[in-house]
Amino acid sequence: MSQISEETITSLICCPVRNERSTNVIAVCQLMKKWSIDSDDMEAFNRYDERLLEDLALYCGLAMQYVKAVLITEERRASIEVTQEVLAYHITAAEQEIQALQEASIPSVESLHMLDFHFSEFGLPEERSTQATIRMFLDLNLVQDFNIDYKTLCQWVLSVRRGYRNSVPYHNWSHALSTAQSMFAMLMATDQLKGSQILSSLSAEDHRAVLHMLKRAILATDLNVYMERRTEFFNLAKKSRVNWKSEKKKDLLRSMLMTASDLSAITKPWPEQKRIANLVTMEFFAQGTKRNKSLKSNPLENSPRLPYMQVEYIDDICYPLYKAVSRLFDTCSPLLAGCKKNRANWMHLAMEAQDENCENTSCVTLKTQLEE
């Protein structure tokens, strides 16, 4: 009002502009000095003018909210672009590294033992691990089928490897390679079974379908998804013959094989399985410490529980899955055999722990034999 001229104000009307999510006033719409249409005289504002101003205030509020949203979006987009640039700088491999992988002679799957279900990535040099990843792409004919530029593939593999955090004990590049190798071994082992080639129906042109399938495959590693869908898969495994032409059944098979690959550490030779179990436990308790600072318990105090936890984990999650997979594909039976051997080893450790501390209330009764 201080900026209004010194002329006498004969009529004035105001209406607040409010934020739709709160009662805060963000602006004010104001009309003053209403002139009569019929004469040059001033006249008072009426109810119609009030409603008109209220409608105007509403549109002004929407416009201001839109502008604010656009500004916030632009600010966030700029922030994301900066983050992506920084991330790309750190995870993008150097040109020399890309060229070295591109020109390298990729070892065969036999020399890398990648068809072996007991394959272990432990101790594998980073250079050889990226070559092993390239070999899987080549032997599955993904480079040819999807017309992937070889240099782009090399750069992508190196970027994925660099994107994993080495500070994470278990869920790192080694686990990613192990999961991919397990799926690769199962695909190659079942390649001779008519109708089971789950990649045969993919089209290079159908980009959206491929992305959708990859998304579902990644989400399939969530154990909640596995628990929801496994009953249907187990029922299929009990049938003498299964027609895999159905897209629904193919999706179910992909989902179960993804979980089988993700959990394949439980099928590895005993020294490797024990090492990985300790890494998973270390990561689990490290995350628990970060999430709940108030807990002052020492993770080492929980170590006697590990054998019990592993036996229960195998009985509830792993064994039923590998049993079903081996029923459908006999060539995958080494996974079930490895799972059984590791259960026996964990059971032995659990019984030893129980004998040493039998009065401990944490002792539980475990099944000594699996149901066939």
Protein backbone atom coordinates (compact mmCIF):
# COMPACT_ATOMS: atom_id res chain seq x y z
CA MET A 1 0.00 0.00 0.00
CA SER A 2 2.96 2.28 0.52
CA GLN A 3 3.56 2.36 -3.22
CA ILE A 4 0.01 3.44 -4.04
CA SER A 5 -0.43 7.06 -5.08
CA GLU A 6 -1.83 9.61 -2.69
CA GLU A 7 -5.12 9.63 -4.58
CA THR A 8 -8.17 8.71 -2.56
CA ILE A 9 -9.02 4.99 -2.76
CA THR A 10 -12.76 4.67 -3.13
CA SER A 11 -12.89 0.90 -3.66
CA LEU A 12 -10.51 -1.99 -3.06
CA ILE A 13 -10.79 -5.77 -2.82
CA CYS A 14 -8.13 -8.37 -1.90
CA CYS A 15 -7.95 -12.16 -2.04
CA PRO A 16 -5.15 -14.38 -0.66
CA VAL A 17 -3.32 -16.85 -2.89
CA ARG A 18 -2.66 -19.98 -0.88
CA ASN A 19 -0.49 -23.04 -1.27
CA GLU A 20 -2.78 -25.97 -2.00
CA ARG A 21 -0.78 -28.16 0.40
CA SER A 22 -0.92 -25.74 3.31
CA THR A 23 -2.76 -22.69 4.64
CA ASN A 24 0.19 -20.40 4.07
CA VAL A 25 -0.47 -17.28 2.04
CA ILE A 26 2.07 -17.09 -0.78
CA ALA A 27 0.68 -14.01 -2.54
CA VAL A 28 -2.21 -11.54 -2.62
CA CYS A 29 -4.42 -10.57 -5.55
CA GLN A 30 -5.70 -7.00 -5.30
CA LEU A 31 -8.20 -4.96 -7.32
CA MET A 32 -8.85 -1.28 -6.71
CA LYS A 33 -10.69 1.72 -8.14
CA LYS A 34 -13.53 0.06 -9.96
CA TRP A 35 -15.00 2.30 -12.64
CA SER A 36 -18.58 2.16 -13.77
CA ILE A 37 -19.20 1.06 -17.35
CA ASP A 38 -22.06 3.50 -17.81
CA SER A 39 -20.34 6.53 -16.34
CA ASP A 40 -16.98 7.87 -15.28
CA ASP A 41 -17.86 7.46 -11.62
CA MET A 42 -16.26 5.06 -9.16
CA GLU A 43 -18.39 2.26 -7.77
CA ALA A 44 -18.07 -0.44 -5.13
CA PHE A 45 -17.06 -4.02 -5.78
CA ASN A 46 -19.89 -6.55 -5.58
CA ARG A 47 -20.17 -10.27 -4.90
CA TYR A 48 -19.61 -11.09 -8.55
CA ASP A 49 -16.28 -9.26 -8.41
CA GLU A 50 -15.32 -11.22 -5.31
CA ARG A 51 -15.96 -14.54 -7.05
CA LEU A 52 -14.07 -13.39 -10.11
CA LEU A 53 -11.09 -12.44 -7.96
CA GLU A 54 -11.24 -15.76 -6.10
CA ASP A 55 -11.08 -17.62 -9.41
CA LEU A 56 -8.19 -15.44 -10.52
CA ALA A 57 -6.37 -16.12 -7.25
CA LEU A 58 -6.81 -19.85 -7.78
CA TYR A 59 -5.27 -19.72 -11.26
CA CYS A 60 -2.48 -17.48 -9.99
CA GLY A 61 -1.75 -20.03 -7.26
CA LEU A 62 -1.60 -22.85 -9.78
CA ALA A 63 0.69 -20.82 -12.03
CA MET A 64 3.02 -20.01 -9.14
CA GLN A 65 3.08 -23.65 -8.05
CA TYR A 66 3.88 -24.72 -11.60
CA VAL A 67 6.73 -22.24 -11.85
CA LYS A 68 8.06 -23.39 -8.50
CA ALA A 69 7.85 -27.03 -9.56
CA VAL A 70 9.67 -26.26 -12.81
CA LEU A 71 12.43 -24.45 -10.94
CA ILE A 72 12.82 -27.34 -8.49
CA THR A 73 12.85 -29.84 -11.37
CA GLU A 74 15.48 -27.87 -13.25
CA GLU A 75 17.59 -27.59 -10.12
CA ARG A 76 17.37 -31.32 -9.48
CA ARG A 77 18.05 -32.11 -13.12
CA ALA A 78 21.17 -29.98 -12.99
CA SER A 79 22.22 -31.72 -9.77
CA ILE A 80 21.65 -35.14 -11.35
CA GLU A 81 23.65 -34.15 -14.42
CA VAL A 82 26.56 -33.11 -12.23
CA THR A 83 26.31 -36.35 -10.25
CA GLN A 84 26.19 -38.38 -13.46
CA GLU A 85 29.22 -36.56 -14.82
CA VAL A 86 31.16 -37.21 -11.63
CA LEU A 87 30.01 -40.84 -11.55
CA ALA A 88 30.82 -41.34 -15.22
CA TYR A 89 34.27 -39.87 -14.66
CA HIS A 90 35.01 -42.32 -11.85
CA ILE A 91 33.51 -45.49 -13.33
CA THR A 92 34.40 -44.97 -16.99
CA ALA A 93 37.46 -46.97 -17.86
CA ALA A 94 40.50 -45.33 -19.38
CA GLU A 95 40.89 -45.60 -23.13
CA GLN A 96 44.05 -47.67 -22.70
CA GLU A 97 42.21 -50.16 -20.48
CA ILE A 98 39.37 -50.44 -22.98
CA GLN A 99 41.78 -50.97 -25.86
CA ALA A 100 43.73 -53.58 -23.90
CA LEU A 101 40.57 -55.61 -23.25
CA GLN A 102 39.40 -55.15 -26.82
CA GLU A 103 42.67 -56.46 -28.23
CA ALA A 104 43.14 -59.21 -25.63
CA SER A 105 42.80 -62.85 -26.57
CA ILE A 106 39.76 -64.02 -24.62
CA PRO A 107 40.39 -67.41 -22.95
CA SER A 108 38.04 -70.29 -23.67
CA VAL A 109 35.36 -71.36 -21.23
CA GLU A 110 37.26 -74.60 -20.71
CA SER A 111 40.44 -72.84 -19.60
CA LEU A 112 38.41 -70.57 -17.31
CA HIS A 113 36.38 -73.55 -15.96
CA MET A 114 33.21 -71.52 -16.49
CA LEU A 115 31.07 -74.54 -17.36
CA ASP A 116 31.89 -76.02 -13.96
CA PHE A 117 29.24 -75.51 -11.29
CA HIS A 118 32.09 -75.42 -8.77
CA PHE A 119 33.65 -72.39 -10.46
CA SER A 120 35.15 -69.90 -8.00
CA GLU A 121 35.99 -66.31 -8.81
CA PHE A 122 38.13 -66.06 -5.66
CA GLY A 123 41.70 -65.17 -6.52
CA LEU A 124 40.82 -64.43 -10.14
CA PRO A 125 42.69 -61.28 -11.28
CA GLU A 126 40.47 -58.35 -12.28
CA GLU A 127 41.82 -58.49 -15.82
CA ARG A 128 40.87 -62.16 -16.14
CA SER A 129 37.45 -61.56 -14.54
CA THR A 130 36.51 -59.02 -17.23
CA GLN A 131 37.72 -61.41 -19.92
CA ALA A 132 35.56 -64.14 -18.39
CA THR A 133 32.55 -61.82 -18.60
CA ILE A 134 33.27 -61.10 -22.26
CA ARG A 135 33.56 -64.84 -22.91
CA MET A 136 30.04 -65.43 -21.56
CA PHE A 137 28.64 -62.79 -23.93
CA LEU A 138 30.47 -64.38 -26.86
CA ASP A 139 29.49 -67.98 -26.16
CA LEU A 140 25.83 -67.07 -25.64
CA ASN A 141 25.91 -65.31 -29.05
CA LEU A 142 24.60 -62.12 -27.45
CA VAL A 143 27.09 -59.98 -29.37
CA GLN A 144 25.83 -61.31 -32.69
CA ASP A 145 22.14 -61.57 -31.83
CA PHE A 146 21.93 -58.02 -30.49
CA ASN A 147 24.50 -56.51 -32.83
CA ILE A 148 26.56 -55.18 -29.91
CA ASP A 149 29.62 -53.15 -30.79
CA TYR A 150 32.58 -55.04 -29.32
CA LYS A 151 34.39 -51.94 -28.05
CA THR A 152 31.18 -50.71 -26.43
CA LEU A 153 30.78 -54.10 -24.73
CA CYS A 154 34.34 -53.93 -23.39
CA GLN A 155 33.78 -50.42 -22.05
CA TRP A 156 30.47 -51.44 -20.47
CA VAL A 157 31.96 -54.47 -18.70
CA LEU A 158 34.83 -52.39 -17.33
CA SER A 159 32.41 -49.68 -16.20
CA VAL A 160 30.20 -52.20 -14.40
CA ARG A 161 33.24 -53.64 -12.62
CA ARG A 162 34.39 -50.18 -11.55
CA GLY A 163 30.86 -49.33 -10.40
CA TYR A 164 30.93 -51.94 -7.65
CA ARG A 165 32.31 -50.91 -4.25
CA ASN A 166 35.28 -52.97 -3.12
CA SER A 167 34.56 -51.97 0.48
CA VAL A 168 31.46 -54.21 0.56
CA PRO A 169 32.50 -57.66 1.82
CA TYR A 170 30.16 -59.81 -0.27
CA HIS A 171 27.81 -57.96 -2.64
CA ASN A 172 30.61 -56.72 -4.89
CA TRP A 173 32.01 -57.41 -8.37
CA SER A 174 33.04 -60.95 -7.37
CA HIS A 175 29.46 -61.81 -6.37
CA ALA A 176 28.14 -60.31 -9.62
CA LEU A 177 30.56 -62.44 -11.64
CA SER A 178 29.70 -65.56 -9.63
CA THR A 179 25.96 -65.03 -10.16
CA ALA A 180 26.43 -64.45 -13.89
CA GLN A 181 28.64 -67.55 -14.20
CA SER A 182 26.07 -69.73 -12.44
CA MET A 183 23.36 -68.62 -14.84
CA PHE A 184 25.78 -69.10 -17.77
CA ALA A 185 26.62 -72.65 -16.65
CA MET A 186 22.94 -73.56 -16.31
CA LEU A 187 22.07 -72.07 -19.70
CA MET A 188 24.91 -73.91 -21.41
CA ALA A 189 24.07 -77.15 -19.60
CA THR A 190 20.40 -77.02 -20.61
CA ASP A 191 21.07 -75.79 -24.15
CA GLN A 192 20.57 -79.26 -25.56
CA LEU A 193 17.12 -79.62 -24.01
CA LYS A 194 14.50 -78.80 -26.60
CA GLY A 195 12.21 -75.96 -25.61
CA SER A 196 14.28 -74.79 -22.65
CA GLN A 197 16.30 -72.07 -24.43
CA ILE A 198 14.81 -69.15 -22.51
CA LEU A 199 16.77 -66.62 -24.58
CA SER A 200 15.62 -67.92 -27.95
CA SER A 201 12.50 -65.75 -28.15
CA LEU A 202 14.25 -62.41 -27.52
CA SER A 203 14.31 -59.92 -30.35
CA ALA A 204 17.01 -57.27 -30.80
CA GLU A 205 14.39 -54.84 -32.12
CA ASP A 206 12.03 -55.22 -29.19
CA HIS A 207 14.00 -52.98 -26.85
CA ARG A 208 11.15 -52.32 -24.47
CA ALA A 209 10.45 -56.03 -24.01
CA VAL A 210 14.11 -56.72 -23.28
CA LEU A 211 14.27 -53.98 -20.65
CA HIS A 212 11.09 -55.29 -19.06
CA MET A 213 12.50 -58.81 -18.94
CA LEU A 214 15.77 -57.61 -17.42
CA LYS A 215 13.88 -55.63 -14.79
CA ARG A 216 11.83 -58.67 -13.81
CA ALA A 217 14.96 -60.83 -13.77
CA ILE A 218 16.70 -58.45 -11.39
CA LEU A 219 13.66 -58.21 -9.12
CA ALA A 220 13.49 -62.01 -9.12
CA THR A 221 16.56 -62.12 -6.87
CA ASP A 222 14.40 -60.67 -4.09
CA LEU A 223 13.63 -63.62 -1.82
CA ASN A 224 10.11 -62.28 -1.24
CA VAL A 225 9.44 -62.72 -4.97
CA TYR A 226 10.96 -66.19 -4.85
CA MET A 227 8.78 -67.24 -1.91
CA GLU A 228 5.66 -65.97 -3.68
CA ARG A 229 6.34 -67.86 -6.93
CA ARG A 230 8.20 -70.99 -5.89
CA THR A 231 5.13 -73.14 -5.14
CA GLU A 232 4.03 -72.87 -8.77
CA PHE A 233 7.55 -73.75 -9.93
CA PHE A 234 7.80 -76.72 -7.57
CA ASN A 235 4.50 -78.07 -8.89
CA LEU A 236 5.83 -77.83 -12.45
CA ALA A 237 8.99 -79.67 -11.44
CA LYS A 238 6.91 -82.64 -10.27
CA LYS A 239 5.44 -83.12 -13.76
CA SER A 240 7.04 -85.61 -16.12
CA ARG A 241 6.94 -83.19 -19.06
CA VAL A 242 6.69 -79.40 -19.16
CA ASN A 243 5.87 -77.27 -22.21
CA TRP A 244 8.09 -74.19 -21.95
CA LYS A 245 6.51 -72.41 -24.92
CA SER A 246 4.21 -70.50 -22.60
CA GLU A 247 5.54 -66.99 -21.90
CA LYS A 248 4.26 -67.23 -18.33
CA LYS A 249 6.23 -70.42 -17.74
CA LYS A 250 9.32 -68.95 -19.37
CA ASP A 251 9.10 -65.97 -17.05
CA LEU A 252 8.72 -68.29 -14.07
CA LEU A 253 11.73 -70.32 -15.17
CA ARG A 254 13.84 -67.18 -15.62
CA SER A 255 12.82 -66.02 -12.16
CA MET A 256 13.78 -69.31 -10.49
CA LEU A 257 17.07 -69.60 -12.39
CA MET A 258 17.98 -66.06 -11.35
CA THR A 259 17.45 -66.99 -7.71
CA ALA A 260 19.37 -70.24 -8.19
CA SER A 261 22.25 -68.23 -9.64
CA ASP A 262 22.15 -65.61 -6.92
CA LEU A 263 22.24 -68.26 -4.16
CA SER A 264 24.76 -70.53 -5.90
CA ALA A 265 27.43 -69.88 -3.26
CA ILE A 266 25.67 -72.54 -1.18
CA THR A 267 26.56 -75.14 -3.86
CA LYS A 268 30.28 -74.37 -4.07
CA PRO A 269 33.03 -76.59 -2.59
CA TRP A 270 33.15 -76.43 1.20
CA PRO A 271 36.17 -74.10 1.62
CA GLU A 272 34.61 -71.62 -0.82
CA GLN A 273 31.16 -71.89 0.79
CA LYS A 274 32.56 -71.31 4.27
CA ARG A 275 34.57 -68.30 3.11
CA ILE A 276 31.54 -66.73 1.41
CA ALA A 277 29.28 -67.41 4.41
CA ASN A 278 31.71 -65.51 6.63
CA LEU A 279 31.73 -62.60 4.16
CA VAL A 280 27.92 -62.47 4.09
CA THR A 281 27.80 -62.56 7.88
CA MET A 282 30.40 -59.81 8.10
CA GLU A 283 28.40 -57.61 5.70
CA PHE A 284 25.13 -58.35 7.49
CA PHE A 285 26.41 -57.34 10.91
CA ALA A 286 28.21 -54.31 9.47
CA GLN A 287 24.93 -53.05 8.01
CA GLY A 288 23.15 -53.77 11.28
CA THR A 289 25.67 -51.71 13.18
CA LYS A 290 25.21 -48.77 10.85
CA ARG A 291 21.42 -48.92 11.01
CA ASN A 292 21.18 -49.23 14.76
CA LYS A 293 23.94 -47.49 16.67
CA SER A 294 22.24 -48.32 19.96
CA LEU A 295 23.06 -52.02 19.61
CA LYS A 296 26.35 -52.64 21.39
CA SER A 297 26.55 -56.38 20.73
CA ASN A 298 29.70 -57.78 19.21
CA PRO A 299 29.09 -59.63 15.91
CA LEU A 300 31.62 -62.23 17.00
CA GLU A 301 29.30 -63.16 19.84
CA ASN A 302 26.80 -64.34 17.24
CA SER A 303 29.28 -66.51 15.33
CA PRO A 304 28.28 -69.78 17.12
CA ARG A 305 24.81 -69.24 15.66
CA LEU A 306 26.14 -69.25 12.09
CA PRO A 307 26.01 -73.04 11.54
CA TYR A 308 22.40 -73.16 12.80
CA MET A 309 21.46 -70.24 10.58
CA GLN A 310 23.07 -71.87 7.54
CA VAL A 311 21.28 -75.20 8.06
CA GLU A 312 17.92 -73.43 8.41
CA TYR A 313 18.73 -71.27 5.38
CA ILE A 314 19.49 -74.36 3.28
CA ASP A 315 16.40 -76.25 4.46
CA ASP A 316 13.97 -73.36 3.98
CA ILE A 317 15.35 -71.59 0.92
CA CYS A 318 18.08 -73.37 -1.04
CA TYR A 319 17.47 -77.11 -0.99
CA PRO A 320 13.85 -77.00 -2.27
CA LEU A 321 14.92 -74.77 -5.17
CA TYR A 322 17.90 -76.86 -6.32
CA LYS A 323 15.86 -80.01 -5.88
CA ALA A 324 13.23 -78.65 -8.29
CA VAL A 325 15.83 -77.37 -10.77
CA SER A 326 17.65 -80.73 -10.82
CA ARG A 327 14.33 -82.51 -11.42
CA LEU A 328 13.67 -80.40 -14.49
CA PHE A 329 17.24 -80.38 -15.77
CA ASP A 330 19.34 -83.37 -14.78
CA THR A 331 22.49 -81.59 -15.98
CA CYS A 332 22.06 -79.15 -13.07
CA SER A 333 22.18 -81.92 -10.46
CA PRO A 334 25.71 -80.89 -9.33
CA LEU A 335 24.06 -77.83 -7.76
CA LEU A 336 21.85 -80.05 -5.61
CA ALA A 337 24.75 -82.32 -4.71
CA GLY A 338 26.88 -79.37 -3.62
CA CYS A 339 24.01 -78.00 -1.55
CA LYS A 340 23.62 -81.34 0.25
CA LYS A 341 27.35 -81.61 1.00
CA ASN A 342 27.48 -78.13 2.46
CA ARG A 343 24.42 -78.80 4.58
CA ALA A 344 26.13 -81.87 6.02
CA ASN A 345 29.21 -79.78 6.85
CA TRP A 346 27.18 -77.02 8.49
CA MET A 347 25.17 -79.63 10.38
CA HIS A 348 28.40 -81.12 11.71
CA LEU A 349 29.54 -77.69 12.96
CA ALA A 350 26.12 -77.04 14.48
CA MET A 351 26.21 -80.32 16.40
CA GLU A 352 29.73 -79.53 17.65
CA ALA A 353 28.57 -76.11 18.86
CA GLN A 354 25.60 -77.70 20.61
CA ASP A 355 27.83 -80.24 22.37
CA GLU A 356 30.14 -77.47 23.59
CA ASN A 357 27.32 -75.30 24.90
CA CYS A 358 24.32 -77.57 25.32
CA GLU A 359 22.80 -75.48 28.09
CA ASN A 360 22.61 -72.42 25.82
CA THR A 361 18.98 -71.47 25.23
CA SER A 362 19.83 -70.61 21.63
CA CYS A 363 20.35 -74.29 20.87
CA VAL A 364 17.64 -75.61 18.59
CA THR A 365 16.70 -78.98 17.19
CA LEU A 366 17.56 -79.37 13.52
CA LYS A 367 16.62 -82.11 11.11
CA THR A 368 19.60 -84.40 10.62
CA GLN A 369 18.31 -85.69 7.29
CA LEU A 370 16.77 -83.93 4.31
CA GLU A 371 13.47 -85.04 2.84
CA GLU A 372 14.10 -86.49 -0.59
